[in-house]
Amino acid sequence: MSKPTENLRKEIWIGCSPSTLFTFFTDPDKMNRWMGRHVLLEPKIGGKYRIDINGENVAIGEYKELIPNEKVVLTWGWEDSEVMPPGSTTVEFLLKPQYQGTLLILNHYDIPVEKVPTNQKGWTHYIDRIKHLGEGNDLGVDPWSVQGK
């Protein structure tokens, strides 16, 4: 029997173009500035990614859809997790031009119910970071990336 899941949705306006924002999902150096401490990306359909958040939590998945400057869809899960293993959920990032900036819409599908609070907290943290970086503000090292080891 399958476990109950929920979807999560976040929206944030960012003062940069969709083309600028898109690079934060495809360039490992840029992604590393808003999420994780070691990032490996293969930004193509079927390409893999690995985001080491803090030496203990590692997100793994693959690119399912890439529409330049409009949409990024990834499978998502955690290395060595039985509750939310790699590929068990899907994250969709939509980039909509709005008011000389971009409305970033994040949809995270099929999250195990018990993992919704931590995913809610995590995505709130990370979309705030990508907003600041997209708007040209250097936030320095992500404080979450130094927790753990």
N, C-alpha and C. Protein backbone atom coordinates (compact mmCIF):
# COMPACT_ATOMS: atom_id res chain seq x y z
N MET A 1 0.84 -1.19 0.00
CA MET A 1 0.00 0.00 0.00
C MET A 1 0.88 1.25 0.00
N SER A 2 0.54 2.20 -0.83
CA SER A 2 1.35 3.41 -0.91
C SER A 2 1.06 4.34 0.26
N LYS A 3 2.07 5.07 0.65
CA LYS A 3 1.94 6.01 1.76
C LYS A 3 1.30 7.30 1.27
N PRO A 4 0.56 8.00 2.16
CA PRO A 4 -0.05 9.26 1.74
C PRO A 4 1.02 10.32 1.45
N THR A 5 0.76 11.11 0.41
CA THR A 5 1.67 12.18 0.04
C THR A 5 0.91 13.49 -0.10
N GLU A 6 1.66 14.57 -0.11
CA GLU A 6 1.09 15.90 -0.33
C GLU A 6 1.97 16.65 -1.30
N ASN A 7 1.42 17.72 -1.85
CA ASN A 7 2.17 18.60 -2.73
C ASN A 7 2.43 19.91 -2.00
N LEU A 8 3.49 20.57 -2.38
CA LEU A 8 3.87 21.84 -1.77
C LEU A 8 4.02 22.86 -2.90
N ARG A 9 3.56 24.08 -2.67
CA ARG A 9 3.69 25.14 -3.66
C ARG A 9 4.22 26.40 -2.98
N LYS A 10 5.19 27.03 -3.62
CA LYS A 10 5.77 28.30 -3.14
C LYS A 10 5.84 29.24 -4.33
N GLU A 11 5.60 30.52 -4.07
CA GLU A 11 5.76 31.54 -5.10
C GLU A 11 6.54 32.70 -4.52
N ILE A 12 7.46 33.26 -5.32
CA ILE A 12 8.22 34.42 -4.88
C ILE A 12 8.59 35.25 -6.11
N TRP A 13 8.48 36.57 -5.98
CA TRP A 13 8.88 37.46 -7.06
C TRP A 13 10.36 37.79 -6.88
N ILE A 14 11.10 37.73 -7.98
CA ILE A 14 12.53 37.98 -7.94
C ILE A 14 12.87 39.07 -8.97
N GLY A 15 13.62 40.05 -8.55
CA GLY A 15 13.96 41.18 -9.41
C GLY A 15 15.09 40.89 -10.37
N CYS A 16 14.89 39.88 -11.23
CA CYS A 16 15.85 39.58 -12.30
C CYS A 16 15.08 38.93 -13.43
N SER A 17 15.71 38.82 -14.58
CA SER A 17 15.05 38.22 -15.74
C SER A 17 14.96 36.70 -15.60
N PRO A 18 13.99 36.08 -16.29
CA PRO A 18 13.95 34.61 -16.29
C PRO A 18 15.25 33.99 -16.80
N SER A 19 15.91 34.64 -17.76
CA SER A 19 17.16 34.07 -18.29
C SER A 19 18.27 34.08 -17.24
N THR A 20 18.32 35.11 -16.40
CA THR A 20 19.29 35.14 -15.31
C THR A 20 18.96 34.06 -14.28
N LEU A 21 17.70 33.96 -13.91
CA LEU A 21 17.27 33.00 -12.89
C LEU A 21 17.49 31.56 -13.35
N PHE A 22 17.24 31.29 -14.63
CA PHE A 22 17.38 29.94 -15.18
C PHE A 22 18.78 29.37 -14.94
N THR A 23 19.80 30.24 -15.02
CA THR A 23 21.18 29.76 -14.85
C THR A 23 21.45 29.22 -13.44
N PHE A 24 20.63 29.62 -12.46
CA PHE A 24 20.81 29.14 -11.09
C PHE A 24 20.37 27.67 -10.94
N PHE A 25 19.75 27.12 -11.98
CA PHE A 25 19.33 25.71 -11.98
C PHE A 25 20.19 24.85 -12.89
N THR A 26 21.06 25.48 -13.69
CA THR A 26 21.84 24.73 -14.67
C THR A 26 23.35 24.90 -14.52
N ASP A 27 23.79 25.90 -13.80
CA ASP A 27 25.21 26.17 -13.60
C ASP A 27 25.58 25.74 -12.18
N PRO A 28 26.43 24.72 -12.03
CA PRO A 28 26.74 24.21 -10.68
C PRO A 28 27.32 25.27 -9.75
N ASP A 29 28.13 26.18 -10.27
CA ASP A 29 28.70 27.22 -9.41
C ASP A 29 27.61 28.15 -8.88
N LYS A 30 26.65 28.48 -9.74
CA LYS A 30 25.55 29.34 -9.29
C LYS A 30 24.62 28.61 -8.33
N MET A 31 24.32 27.35 -8.62
CA MET A 31 23.46 26.60 -7.71
C MET A 31 24.12 26.47 -6.35
N ASN A 32 25.42 26.25 -6.35
CA ASN A 32 26.15 26.11 -5.10
C ASN A 32 26.06 27.36 -4.23
N ARG A 33 25.84 28.50 -4.84
CA ARG A 33 25.73 29.75 -4.09
C ARG A 33 24.41 29.84 -3.33
N TRP A 34 23.37 29.12 -3.80
CA TRP A 34 22.09 29.20 -3.08
C TRP A 34 21.72 27.90 -2.37
N MET A 35 22.33 26.79 -2.76
CA MET A 35 21.97 25.50 -2.14
C MET A 35 23.16 24.57 -2.12
N GLY A 36 23.46 24.06 -0.94
CA GLY A 36 24.47 23.01 -0.82
C GLY A 36 25.90 23.53 -0.75
N ARG A 37 26.80 22.56 -0.56
CA ARG A 37 28.21 22.92 -0.53
C ARG A 37 29.01 22.22 -1.61
N HIS A 38 28.48 21.15 -2.18
CA HIS A 38 29.09 20.49 -3.34
C HIS A 38 27.96 20.12 -4.28
N VAL A 39 28.02 20.63 -5.51
CA VAL A 39 26.95 20.43 -6.47
C VAL A 39 27.52 19.86 -7.76
N LEU A 40 26.92 18.79 -8.23
CA LEU A 40 27.24 18.21 -9.54
C LEU A 40 25.96 18.22 -10.36
N LEU A 41 26.02 18.83 -11.55
CA LEU A 41 24.84 18.93 -12.41
C LEU A 41 25.17 18.44 -13.81
N GLU A 42 24.20 17.77 -14.41
CA GLU A 42 24.26 17.39 -15.81
C GLU A 42 22.95 17.89 -16.43
N PRO A 43 22.87 19.22 -16.71
CA PRO A 43 21.60 19.83 -17.09
C PRO A 43 21.14 19.52 -18.51
N LYS A 44 20.59 18.32 -18.67
CA LYS A 44 19.97 17.88 -19.92
C LYS A 44 18.91 16.86 -19.55
N ILE A 45 17.97 16.61 -20.42
CA ILE A 45 16.92 15.64 -20.14
C ILE A 45 17.56 14.29 -19.82
N GLY A 46 17.21 13.73 -18.67
CA GLY A 46 17.81 12.47 -18.23
C GLY A 46 19.14 12.64 -17.52
N GLY A 47 19.65 13.87 -17.50
CA GLY A 47 20.92 14.14 -16.82
C GLY A 47 20.76 14.07 -15.31
N LYS A 48 21.78 13.63 -14.65
CA LYS A 48 21.75 13.46 -13.19
C LYS A 48 22.23 14.71 -12.48
N TYR A 49 21.84 14.83 -11.21
CA TYR A 49 22.40 15.86 -10.35
C TYR A 49 22.62 15.26 -8.98
N ARG A 50 23.52 15.89 -8.23
CA ARG A 50 23.79 15.51 -6.85
C ARG A 50 24.13 16.79 -6.09
N ILE A 51 23.36 17.07 -5.04
CA ILE A 51 23.57 18.27 -4.24
C ILE A 51 23.84 17.84 -2.80
N ASP A 52 25.10 18.00 -2.40
CA ASP A 52 25.50 17.70 -1.02
C ASP A 52 25.19 18.96 -0.21
N ILE A 53 24.16 18.90 0.61
CA ILE A 53 23.70 20.06 1.35
C ILE A 53 24.68 20.42 2.47
N ASN A 54 25.07 19.44 3.28
CA ASN A 54 25.88 19.75 4.47
C ASN A 54 26.81 18.62 4.90
N GLY A 55 27.09 17.71 4.00
CA GLY A 55 27.96 16.59 4.36
C GLY A 55 27.18 15.39 4.88
N GLU A 56 25.91 15.58 5.20
CA GLU A 56 25.06 14.49 5.69
C GLU A 56 23.84 14.28 4.80
N ASN A 57 23.25 15.38 4.34
CA ASN A 57 22.05 15.31 3.51
C ASN A 57 22.41 15.57 2.06
N VAL A 58 22.14 14.57 1.20
CA VAL A 58 22.50 14.66 -0.20
C VAL A 58 21.25 14.41 -1.05
N ALA A 59 20.87 15.45 -1.83
CA ALA A 59 19.74 15.32 -2.75
C ALA A 59 20.26 14.76 -4.07
N ILE A 60 19.51 13.79 -4.60
CA ILE A 60 19.90 13.14 -5.85
C ILE A 60 18.66 12.99 -6.73
N GLY A 61 18.86 13.17 -8.03
CA GLY A 61 17.76 12.96 -8.97
C GLY A 61 18.24 13.21 -10.39
N GLU A 62 17.25 13.46 -11.26
CA GLU A 62 17.59 13.73 -12.64
C GLU A 62 16.67 14.78 -13.23
N TYR A 63 17.17 15.43 -14.27
CA TYR A 63 16.39 16.43 -14.99
C TYR A 63 15.35 15.72 -15.86
N LYS A 64 14.09 16.09 -15.72
CA LYS A 64 13.01 15.50 -16.51
C LYS A 64 12.56 16.43 -17.63
N GLU A 65 12.65 17.74 -17.38
CA GLU A 65 12.23 18.72 -18.38
C GLU A 65 13.05 19.99 -18.19
N LEU A 66 13.50 20.54 -19.30
CA LEU A 66 14.26 21.80 -19.30
C LEU A 66 13.76 22.65 -20.47
N ILE A 67 13.10 23.73 -20.16
CA ILE A 67 12.70 24.69 -21.18
C ILE A 67 13.44 25.97 -20.82
N PRO A 68 14.46 26.34 -21.61
CA PRO A 68 15.29 27.49 -21.25
C PRO A 68 14.46 28.72 -20.88
N ASN A 69 14.82 29.27 -19.72
CA ASN A 69 14.24 30.51 -19.20
C ASN A 69 12.76 30.40 -18.82
N GLU A 70 12.20 29.16 -18.82
CA GLU A 70 10.79 28.98 -18.50
C GLU A 70 10.51 27.92 -17.44
N LYS A 71 11.20 26.78 -17.53
CA LYS A 71 10.80 25.64 -16.69
C LYS A 71 11.95 24.67 -16.47
N VAL A 72 12.04 24.17 -15.22
CA VAL A 72 12.97 23.10 -14.87
C VAL A 72 12.20 22.09 -14.03
N VAL A 73 12.24 20.82 -14.43
CA VAL A 73 11.58 19.76 -13.67
C VAL A 73 12.63 18.70 -13.35
N LEU A 74 12.69 18.36 -12.05
CA LEU A 74 13.66 17.39 -11.54
C LEU A 74 12.97 16.32 -10.72
N THR A 75 13.46 15.09 -10.79
CA THR A 75 13.07 14.14 -9.75
C THR A 75 13.89 14.53 -8.52
N TRP A 76 13.40 14.18 -7.33
CA TRP A 76 14.05 14.64 -6.10
C TRP A 76 13.93 13.56 -5.03
N GLY A 77 14.98 13.41 -4.28
CA GLY A 77 14.96 12.52 -3.13
C GLY A 77 16.30 12.60 -2.43
N TRP A 78 16.44 11.81 -1.39
CA TRP A 78 17.61 11.89 -0.53
C TRP A 78 18.38 10.59 -0.52
N GLU A 79 19.68 10.68 -0.67
CA GLU A 79 20.57 9.52 -0.60
C GLU A 79 20.36 8.81 0.74
N ASP A 80 20.30 7.50 0.70
CA ASP A 80 20.16 6.66 1.89
C ASP A 80 18.88 6.90 2.68
N SER A 81 17.82 7.41 2.02
CA SER A 81 16.54 7.62 2.70
C SER A 81 15.55 6.54 2.28
N GLU A 82 14.90 5.96 3.27
CA GLU A 82 13.84 5.01 2.96
C GLU A 82 12.51 5.72 2.79
N VAL A 83 12.34 6.85 3.47
CA VAL A 83 11.08 7.59 3.42
C VAL A 83 10.94 8.39 2.13
N MET A 84 12.03 9.01 1.68
CA MET A 84 12.00 9.85 0.48
C MET A 84 13.26 9.61 -0.35
N PRO A 85 13.37 8.40 -0.95
CA PRO A 85 14.58 8.05 -1.69
C PRO A 85 14.72 8.84 -3.00
N PRO A 86 15.93 8.84 -3.59
CA PRO A 86 16.13 9.53 -4.86
C PRO A 86 15.07 9.12 -5.89
N GLY A 87 14.55 10.14 -6.58
CA GLY A 87 13.56 9.89 -7.64
C GLY A 87 12.14 9.70 -7.17
N SER A 88 11.89 9.75 -5.86
CA SER A 88 10.54 9.45 -5.36
C SER A 88 9.59 10.64 -5.42
N THR A 89 10.11 11.86 -5.58
CA THR A 89 9.27 13.04 -5.69
C THR A 89 9.71 13.85 -6.91
N THR A 90 8.93 14.84 -7.25
CA THR A 90 9.24 15.69 -8.40
C THR A 90 9.15 17.15 -7.98
N VAL A 91 10.16 17.93 -8.40
CA VAL A 91 10.16 19.37 -8.15
C VAL A 91 10.10 20.08 -9.50
N GLU A 92 9.16 21.02 -9.58
CA GLU A 92 8.98 21.81 -10.80
C GLU A 92 9.21 23.28 -10.46
N PHE A 93 10.08 23.93 -11.23
CA PHE A 93 10.32 25.36 -11.09
C PHE A 93 9.81 26.04 -12.35
N LEU A 94 8.85 26.94 -12.20
CA LEU A 94 8.32 27.71 -13.33
C LEU A 94 8.82 29.14 -13.20
N LEU A 95 9.30 29.70 -14.30
CA LEU A 95 9.83 31.06 -14.32
C LEU A 95 8.94 31.90 -15.22
N LYS A 96 8.14 32.77 -14.62
CA LYS A 96 7.17 33.59 -15.35
C LYS A 96 7.59 35.06 -15.33
N PRO A 97 7.78 35.68 -16.51
CA PRO A 97 8.11 37.10 -16.51
C PRO A 97 6.98 37.89 -15.83
N GLN A 98 7.35 38.81 -14.94
CA GLN A 98 6.34 39.59 -14.23
C GLN A 98 6.96 40.88 -13.70
N TYR A 99 6.37 42.02 -14.04
CA TYR A 99 6.79 43.33 -13.51
C TYR A 99 8.30 43.54 -13.58
N GLN A 100 8.90 43.42 -14.74
CA GLN A 100 10.34 43.59 -14.94
C GLN A 100 11.17 42.65 -14.06
N GLY A 101 10.60 41.53 -13.71
CA GLY A 101 11.30 40.52 -12.93
C GLY A 101 10.74 39.15 -13.29
N THR A 102 10.83 38.24 -12.35
CA THR A 102 10.38 36.87 -12.58
C THR A 102 9.59 36.38 -11.37
N LEU A 103 8.43 35.81 -11.64
CA LEU A 103 7.69 35.09 -10.61
C LEU A 103 8.19 33.65 -10.65
N LEU A 104 8.84 33.22 -9.57
CA LEU A 104 9.30 31.83 -9.46
C LEU A 104 8.22 31.05 -8.74
N ILE A 105 7.71 30.02 -9.40
CA ILE A 105 6.71 29.14 -8.81
C ILE A 105 7.36 27.78 -8.64
N LEU A 106 7.38 27.30 -7.41
CA LEU A 106 7.95 26.00 -7.09
C LEU A 106 6.81 25.07 -6.72
N ASN A 107 6.72 23.94 -7.39
CA ASN A 107 5.78 22.88 -7.04
C ASN A 107 6.59 21.63 -6.72
N HIS A 108 6.38 21.10 -5.53
CA HIS A 108 7.05 19.85 -5.14
C HIS A 108 5.95 18.82 -4.94
N TYR A 109 5.96 17.79 -5.77
CA TYR A 109 4.88 16.80 -5.81
C TYR A 109 5.25 15.50 -5.08
N ASP A 110 4.24 14.88 -4.51
CA ASP A 110 4.34 13.52 -3.93
C ASP A 110 5.29 13.43 -2.73
N ILE A 111 5.27 14.45 -1.88
CA ILE A 111 6.10 14.43 -0.68
C ILE A 111 5.42 13.54 0.37
N PRO A 112 6.12 12.59 0.97
CA PRO A 112 5.52 11.82 2.06
C PRO A 112 5.03 12.79 3.15
N VAL A 113 3.83 12.54 3.65
CA VAL A 113 3.19 13.46 4.59
C VAL A 113 4.11 13.85 5.74
N GLU A 114 4.84 12.88 6.29
CA GLU A 114 5.70 13.18 7.44
C GLU A 114 6.89 14.07 7.08
N LYS A 115 7.17 14.23 5.78
CA LYS A 115 8.30 15.06 5.33
C LYS A 115 7.85 16.45 4.86
N VAL A 116 6.56 16.73 4.87
CA VAL A 116 6.07 18.03 4.41
C VAL A 116 6.63 19.19 5.25
N PRO A 117 6.60 19.12 6.60
CA PRO A 117 7.13 20.25 7.38
C PRO A 117 8.61 20.57 7.09
N THR A 118 9.46 19.55 6.96
CA THR A 118 10.87 19.82 6.71
C THR A 118 11.08 20.33 5.28
N ASN A 119 10.29 19.86 4.33
CA ASN A 119 10.40 20.37 2.97
C ASN A 119 9.88 21.80 2.87
N GLN A 120 8.82 22.09 3.60
CA GLN A 120 8.29 23.46 3.65
C GLN A 120 9.37 24.42 4.18
N LYS A 121 10.01 24.04 5.27
CA LYS A 121 11.06 24.85 5.87
C LYS A 121 12.25 24.98 4.92
N GLY A 122 12.65 23.88 4.32
CA GLY A 122 13.79 23.89 3.41
C GLY A 122 13.58 24.76 2.19
N TRP A 123 12.44 24.59 1.52
CA TRP A 123 12.19 25.39 0.32
C TRP A 123 12.00 26.86 0.65
N THR A 124 11.44 27.18 1.81
CA THR A 124 11.33 28.59 2.22
C THR A 124 12.72 29.19 2.34
N HIS A 125 13.63 28.46 2.96
CA HIS A 125 15.01 28.91 3.12
C HIS A 125 15.68 29.11 1.75
N TYR A 126 15.56 28.12 0.88
CA TYR A 126 16.30 28.17 -0.38
C TYR A 126 15.71 29.14 -1.40
N ILE A 127 14.40 29.31 -1.44
CA ILE A 127 13.90 30.29 -2.42
C ILE A 127 14.18 31.71 -1.96
N ASP A 128 14.31 31.92 -0.66
CA ASP A 128 14.73 33.23 -0.18
C ASP A 128 16.18 33.49 -0.62
N ARG A 129 17.02 32.48 -0.53
CA ARG A 129 18.42 32.63 -0.96
C ARG A 129 18.51 32.89 -2.46
N ILE A 130 17.76 32.15 -3.27
CA ILE A 130 17.85 32.35 -4.73
C ILE A 130 17.31 33.73 -5.11
N LYS A 131 16.32 34.24 -4.36
CA LYS A 131 15.81 35.59 -4.62
C LYS A 131 16.93 36.61 -4.42
N HIS A 132 17.61 36.55 -3.30
CA HIS A 132 18.69 37.51 -3.02
C HIS A 132 19.81 37.40 -4.06
N LEU A 133 20.19 36.19 -4.39
CA LEU A 133 21.26 36.00 -5.36
C LEU A 133 20.85 36.47 -6.75
N GLY A 134 19.62 36.15 -7.15
CA GLY A 134 19.12 36.59 -8.45
C GLY A 134 19.09 38.10 -8.56
N GLU A 135 18.89 38.76 -7.43
CA GLU A 135 18.84 40.22 -7.41
C GLU A 135 20.23 40.84 -7.19
N GLY A 136 21.27 40.00 -7.23
CA GLY A 136 22.64 40.51 -7.18
C GLY A 136 23.23 40.67 -5.79
N ASN A 137 22.57 40.14 -4.77
CA ASN A 137 23.09 40.23 -3.41
C ASN A 137 23.85 38.96 -3.05
N ASP A 138 25.11 39.10 -2.69
CA ASP A 138 25.92 37.95 -2.30
C ASP A 138 25.66 37.64 -0.83
N LEU A 139 25.10 36.47 -0.58
CA LEU A 139 24.76 36.09 0.78
C LEU A 139 25.89 35.36 1.50
N GLY A 140 26.96 35.07 0.80
CA GLY A 140 28.03 34.30 1.41
C GLY A 140 27.63 32.83 1.53
N VAL A 141 28.36 32.11 2.33
CA VAL A 141 28.13 30.67 2.49
C VAL A 141 26.77 30.43 3.16
N ASP A 142 26.03 29.47 2.62
CA ASP A 142 24.74 29.09 3.20
C ASP A 142 25.00 28.53 4.61
N PRO A 143 24.39 29.13 5.64
CA PRO A 143 24.63 28.62 6.99
C PRO A 143 24.21 27.16 7.16
N TRP A 144 23.24 26.71 6.39
CA TRP A 144 22.81 25.31 6.48
C TRP A 144 23.87 24.37 5.93
N SER A 145 24.76 24.87 5.07
CA SER A 145 25.75 23.98 4.46
C SER A 145 26.89 23.64 5.42
N VAL A 146 27.00 24.36 6.51
CA VAL A 146 28.07 24.09 7.46
C VAL A 146 27.59 23.32 8.68
N GLN A 147 26.28 23.05 8.75
CA GLN A 147 25.77 22.24 9.84
C GLN A 147 26.16 20.79 9.58
N GLY A 148 26.11 20.00 10.58
CA GLY A 148 26.46 18.58 10.40
C GLY A 148 27.95 18.42 10.57
N LYS A 149 28.61 18.00 9.50
CA LYS A 149 30.04 17.72 9.58
C LYS A 149 30.88 18.97 9.39
